[in-house]
């Protein structure tokens, strides 16, 4: 499934600038928003409010929102892979794991009670997806995507 999407980095622009960008993207048919918790630092409540406002705005335009995280963010914000309520609270469609866990955690996450998608990074060219499949995830909630952040050497050769 291919979808046009945009990236929103809260705290790199104002909330109003991000909302205008979402509106413009929606006007041109974009259906997906990628946002990132990897570089966010600070109070969990402030982070929650900013992300929630941004994501709610995107949701109002029928856009799905994936939040980029890594295991370090889970511990930094005191989030458990067994309880994804934080992501439900902010209105996300799912979590995108820039770096993953061992495979078992990803599988467990696909059975979350909120129906959130678990998106894995397919750009690492490893057996990562096979490892997750060994733990019998809910395949309906497991999706993958390649890196699209414009850094040299982050994509696959084709």
C-alpha atoms as a PDB file:
ATOM      1  CA  UNK A   1       0.000   0.000   0.000  1.00  0.00           C
ATOM      2  CA  UNK A   2       1.433   3.359  -1.001  1.00  0.00           C
ATOM      3  CA  UNK A   3       0.276   6.583   0.551  1.00  0.00           C
ATOM      4  CA  UNK A   4       1.463  10.117   0.259  1.00  0.00           C
ATOM      5  CA  UNK A   5       2.573  11.489   3.578  1.00  0.00           C
ATOM      6  CA  UNK A   6       4.304  14.345   5.302  1.00  0.00           C
ATOM      7  CA  UNK A   7       6.651  14.630   8.253  1.00  0.00           C
ATOM      8  CA  UNK A   8       5.874  16.822  11.225  1.00  0.00           C
ATOM      9  CA  UNK A   9       8.475  17.489  13.865  1.00  0.00           C
ATOM     10  CA  UNK A  10       6.812  19.152  16.869  1.00  0.00           C
ATOM     11  CA  UNK A  11       9.170  21.497  18.684  1.00  0.00           C
ATOM     12  CA  UNK A  12      10.984  22.217  15.379  1.00  0.00           C
ATOM     13  CA  UNK A  13       8.148  24.511  14.313  1.00  0.00           C
ATOM     14  CA  UNK A  14       5.283  26.173  16.134  1.00  0.00           C
ATOM     15  CA  UNK A  15       2.026  24.347  16.674  1.00  0.00           C
ATOM     16  CA  UNK A  16       0.272  26.799  14.353  1.00  0.00           C
ATOM     17  CA  UNK A  17       2.874  26.283  11.597  1.00  0.00           C
ATOM     18  CA  UNK A  18       2.444  22.526  11.869  1.00  0.00           C
ATOM     19  CA  UNK A  19      -1.342  22.823  11.723  1.00  0.00           C
ATOM     20  CA  UNK A  20      -1.150  24.959   8.575  1.00  0.00           C
ATOM     21  CA  UNK A  21       1.205  22.430   6.994  1.00  0.00           C
ATOM     22  CA  UNK A  22      -1.242  19.616   7.795  1.00  0.00           C
ATOM     23  CA  UNK A  23      -4.103  21.597   6.251  1.00  0.00           C
ATOM     24  CA  UNK A  24      -2.104  22.241   3.081  1.00  0.00           C
ATOM     25  CA  UNK A  25      -1.107  18.583   2.804  1.00  0.00           C
ATOM     26  CA  UNK A  26      -4.710  17.448   3.320  1.00  0.00           C
ATOM     27  CA  UNK A  27      -5.834  19.842   0.593  1.00  0.00           C
ATOM     28  CA  UNK A  28      -3.505  18.049  -1.841  1.00  0.00           C
ATOM     29  CA  UNK A  29      -4.601  14.548  -0.847  1.00  0.00           C
ATOM     30  CA  UNK A  30      -1.954  13.512   1.640  1.00  0.00           C
ATOM     31  CA  UNK A  31      -3.280  10.842   3.990  1.00  0.00           C
ATOM     32  CA  UNK A  32      -0.406  10.056   6.278  1.00  0.00           C
ATOM     33  CA  UNK A  33       1.656  11.922   8.852  1.00  0.00           C
ATOM     34  CA  UNK A  34       4.963  10.790  10.264  1.00  0.00           C
ATOM     35  CA  UNK A  35       6.008  12.428  13.497  1.00  0.00           C
ATOM     36  CA  UNK A  36       8.990  11.740  15.660  1.00  0.00           C
ATOM     37  CA  UNK A  37       9.556  11.347  19.372  1.00  0.00           C
ATOM     38  CA  UNK A  38      13.228  10.410  18.917  1.00  0.00           C
ATOM     39  CA  UNK A  39      14.660  13.884  19.418  1.00  0.00           C
ATOM     40  CA  UNK A  40      12.114  15.187  21.897  1.00  0.00           C
ATOM     41  CA  UNK A  41      13.373  16.091  25.314  1.00  0.00           C
ATOM     42  CA  UNK A  42      11.536  17.445  28.319  1.00  0.00           C
ATOM     43  CA  UNK A  43       8.486  17.034  30.475  1.00  0.00           C
ATOM     44  CA  UNK A  44       6.222  14.129  29.499  1.00  0.00           C
ATOM     45  CA  UNK A  45       3.047  16.189  30.005  1.00  0.00           C
ATOM     46  CA  UNK A  46       4.259  19.020  27.760  1.00  0.00           C
ATOM     47  CA  UNK A  47       5.265  16.492  25.099  1.00  0.00           C
ATOM     48  CA  UNK A  48       1.901  14.767  25.410  1.00  0.00           C
ATOM     49  CA  UNK A  49      -0.032  18.023  24.936  1.00  0.00           C
ATOM     50  CA  UNK A  50       1.962  19.199  21.907  1.00  0.00           C
ATOM     51  CA  UNK A  51       1.764  15.838  20.146  1.00  0.00           C
ATOM     52  CA  UNK A  52      -1.898  15.394  21.045  1.00  0.00           C
ATOM     53  CA  UNK A  53      -2.839  18.798  19.576  1.00  0.00           C
ATOM     54  CA  UNK A  54      -0.898  18.136  16.380  1.00  0.00           C
ATOM     55  CA  UNK A  55      -2.201  14.601  15.922  1.00  0.00           C
ATOM     56  CA  UNK A  56      -5.791  15.601  16.677  1.00  0.00           C
ATOM     57  CA  UNK A  57      -5.556  18.232  13.965  1.00  0.00           C
ATOM     58  CA  UNK A  58      -4.290  15.656  11.459  1.00  0.00           C
ATOM     59  CA  UNK A  59      -7.006  13.200  12.504  1.00  0.00           C
ATOM     60  CA  UNK A  60      -9.634  15.894  11.868  1.00  0.00           C
ATOM     61  CA  UNK A  61      -8.475  15.875   8.237  1.00  0.00           C
ATOM     62  CA  UNK A  62      -8.757  12.084   7.988  1.00  0.00           C
ATOM     63  CA  UNK A  63      -5.023  11.513   8.198  1.00  0.00           C
ATOM     64  CA  UNK A  64      -3.383   8.598   9.956  1.00  0.00           C
ATOM     65  CA  UNK A  65      -0.421   9.404  12.176  1.00  0.00           C
ATOM     66  CA  UNK A  66       2.554   7.164  12.924  1.00  0.00           C
ATOM     67  CA  UNK A  67       4.876   8.153  15.770  1.00  0.00           C
ATOM     68  CA  UNK A  68       8.551   7.240  15.381  1.00  0.00           C
ATOM     69  CA  UNK A  69      10.096   5.764  18.526  1.00  0.00           C
ATOM     70  CA  UNK A  70      12.898   3.498  19.684  1.00  0.00           C
ATOM     71  CA  UNK A  71      13.397   1.397  22.827  1.00  0.00           C
ATOM     72  CA  UNK A  72      15.255   4.286  24.474  1.00  0.00           C
ATOM     73  CA  UNK A  73      12.163   6.507  24.132  1.00  0.00           C
ATOM     74  CA  UNK A  74      10.015   3.890  25.846  1.00  0.00           C
ATOM     75  CA  UNK A  75      12.283   3.981  28.891  1.00  0.00           C
ATOM     76  CA  UNK A  76      12.810   7.763  28.744  1.00  0.00           C
ATOM     77  CA  UNK A  77       9.052   8.408  28.853  1.00  0.00           C
ATOM     78  CA  UNK A  78       8.318   5.438  31.129  1.00  0.00           C
ATOM     79  CA  UNK A  79       6.258   3.645  28.474  1.00  0.00           C
ATOM     80  CA  UNK A  80       6.016  -0.127  28.356  1.00  0.00           C
ATOM     81  CA  UNK A  81       5.784  -2.106  25.134  1.00  0.00           C
ATOM     82  CA  UNK A  82       3.028  -4.021  26.940  1.00  0.00           C
ATOM     83  CA  UNK A  83       0.977  -0.850  27.489  1.00  0.00           C
ATOM     84  CA  UNK A  84       0.682   1.461  24.488  1.00  0.00           C
ATOM     85  CA  UNK A  85      -1.901   3.739  26.135  1.00  0.00           C
ATOM     86  CA  UNK A  86       0.456   6.730  25.747  1.00  0.00           C
ATOM     87  CA  UNK A  87       0.108   6.469  21.954  1.00  0.00           C
ATOM     88  CA  UNK A  88      -3.644   6.011  22.166  1.00  0.00           C
ATOM     89  CA  UNK A  89      -3.879   9.097  24.413  1.00  0.00           C
ATOM     90  CA  UNK A  90      -2.121  11.249  21.838  1.00  0.00           C
ATOM     91  CA  UNK A  91      -4.365   9.936  19.037  1.00  0.00           C
ATOM     92  CA  UNK A  92      -1.757   8.045  17.017  1.00  0.00           C
ATOM     93  CA  UNK A  93      -2.690   5.396  14.474  1.00  0.00           C
ATOM     94  CA  UNK A  94       0.386   3.487  15.515  1.00  0.00           C
ATOM     95  CA  UNK A  95       4.035   3.437  16.447  1.00  0.00           C
ATOM     96  CA  UNK A  96       6.924   3.208  14.027  1.00  0.00           C
ATOM     97  CA  UNK A  97       9.980   1.533  15.479  1.00  0.00           C
ATOM     98  CA  UNK A  98      13.071   3.195  14.096  1.00  0.00           C
ATOM     99  CA  UNK A  99      15.127   0.710  16.073  1.00  0.00           C
ATOM    100  CA  UNK A 100      13.441  -2.400  17.289  1.00  0.00           C
ATOM    101  CA  UNK A 101      13.452  -4.699  20.233  1.00  0.00           C
ATOM    102  CA  UNK A 102      14.191  -8.437  20.082  1.00  0.00           C
ATOM    103  CA  UNK A 103      11.177  -9.484  17.987  1.00  0.00           C
ATOM    104  CA  UNK A 104       9.155 -10.770  20.924  1.00  0.00           C
ATOM    105  CA  UNK A 105       8.288  -7.261  22.109  1.00  0.00           C
ATOM    106  CA  UNK A 106       7.149  -6.225  18.622  1.00  0.00           C
ATOM    107  CA  UNK A 107       4.922  -9.298  18.461  1.00  0.00           C
ATOM    108  CA  UNK A 108       3.399  -8.507  21.850  1.00  0.00           C
ATOM    109  CA  UNK A 109       2.820  -4.909  20.750  1.00  0.00           C
ATOM    110  CA  UNK A 110       0.728  -6.086  17.763  1.00  0.00           C
ATOM    111  CA  UNK A 111      -1.841  -7.457  20.202  1.00  0.00           C
ATOM    112  CA  UNK A 112      -2.313  -4.115  21.983  1.00  0.00           C
ATOM    113  CA  UNK A 113      -5.833  -3.437  23.213  1.00  0.00           C
ATOM    114  CA  UNK A 114      -6.097  -0.169  21.280  1.00  0.00           C
ATOM    115  CA  UNK A 115      -5.734  -1.616  17.793  1.00  0.00           C
ATOM    116  CA  UNK A 116      -2.639   0.495  17.141  1.00  0.00           C
ATOM    117  CA  UNK A 117      -0.438  -0.464  14.213  1.00  0.00           C
ATOM    118  CA  UNK A 118       3.163  -1.462  14.821  1.00  0.00           C
ATOM    119  CA  UNK A 119       5.313  -0.302  11.938  1.00  0.00           C
ATOM    120  CA  UNK A 120       8.832  -1.654  11.640  1.00  0.00           C
ATOM    121  CA  UNK A 121      11.840  -0.163   9.888  1.00  0.00           C
ATOM    122  CA  UNK A 122      12.465  -2.260   6.780  1.00  0.00           C
ATOM    123  CA  UNK A 123      15.596  -0.345   5.758  1.00  0.00           C
ATOM    124  CA  UNK A 124      18.006  -2.329   7.874  1.00  0.00           C
ATOM    125  CA  UNK A 125      18.203  -5.198   5.356  1.00  0.00           C
ATOM    126  CA  UNK A 126      18.301  -7.871   8.058  1.00  0.00           C
ATOM    127  CA  UNK A 127      16.116 -10.783   9.108  1.00  0.00           C
ATOM    128  CA  UNK A 128      14.241  -8.488  11.478  1.00  0.00           C
ATOM    129  CA  UNK A 129      10.801  -9.256  10.061  1.00  0.00           C
ATOM    130  CA  UNK A 130      11.528 -12.996  10.147  1.00  0.00           C
ATOM    131  CA  UNK A 131      12.518 -12.740  13.793  1.00  0.00           C
ATOM    132  CA  UNK A 132       9.249 -10.968  14.624  1.00  0.00           C
ATOM    133  CA  UNK A 133       7.288 -13.572  12.649  1.00  0.00           C
ATOM    134  CA  UNK A 134       8.891 -16.329  14.777  1.00  0.00           C
ATOM    135  CA  UNK A 135       6.919 -14.876  17.708  1.00  0.00           C
ATOM    136  CA  UNK A 136       3.575 -15.110  15.818  1.00  0.00           C
ATOM    137  CA  UNK A 137       2.465 -11.458  15.813  1.00  0.00           C
ATOM    138  CA  UNK A 138      -0.966 -10.232  14.842  1.00  0.00           C
ATOM    139  CA  UNK A 139      -0.094  -9.790  11.147  1.00  0.00           C
ATOM    140  CA  UNK A 140      -3.047  -7.440  10.642  1.00  0.00           C
ATOM    141  CA  UNK A 141      -1.379  -4.912  12.953  1.00  0.00           C
ATOM    142  CA  UNK A 142       2.217  -5.309  11.731  1.00  0.00           C
ATOM    143  CA  UNK A 143       3.331  -3.084   8.863  1.00  0.00           C
ATOM    144  CA  UNK A 144       6.692  -2.022   7.508  1.00  0.00           C
ATOM    145  CA  UNK A 145       8.172   0.980   5.784  1.00  0.00           C
ATOM    146  CA  UNK A 146      11.519   2.107   4.510  1.00  0.00           C
ATOM    147  CA  UNK A 147      13.336   5.144   5.801  1.00  0.00           C
ATOM    148  CA  UNK A 148      12.437   8.306   3.992  1.00  0.00           C
ATOM    149  CA  UNK A 149      14.374  10.795   6.065  1.00  0.00           C
ATOM    150  CA  UNK A 150      16.856  12.398   3.668  1.00  0.00           C
ATOM    151  CA  UNK A 151      20.159  11.008   4.917  1.00  0.00           C
ATOM    152  CA  UNK A 152      22.743   9.320   2.752  1.00  0.00           C
ATOM    153  CA  UNK A 153      22.835   5.524   3.091  1.00  0.00           C
ATOM    154  CA  UNK A 154      19.498   5.165   4.924  1.00  0.00           C
ATOM    155  CA  UNK A 155      17.615   3.560   2.034  1.00  0.00           C
ATOM    156  CA  UNK A 156      18.055   0.249   0.302  1.00  0.00           C
ATOM    157  CA  UNK A 157      19.843  -0.048  -3.020  1.00  0.00           C
ATOM    158  CA  UNK A 158      16.528  -0.192  -4.942  1.00  0.00           C
END
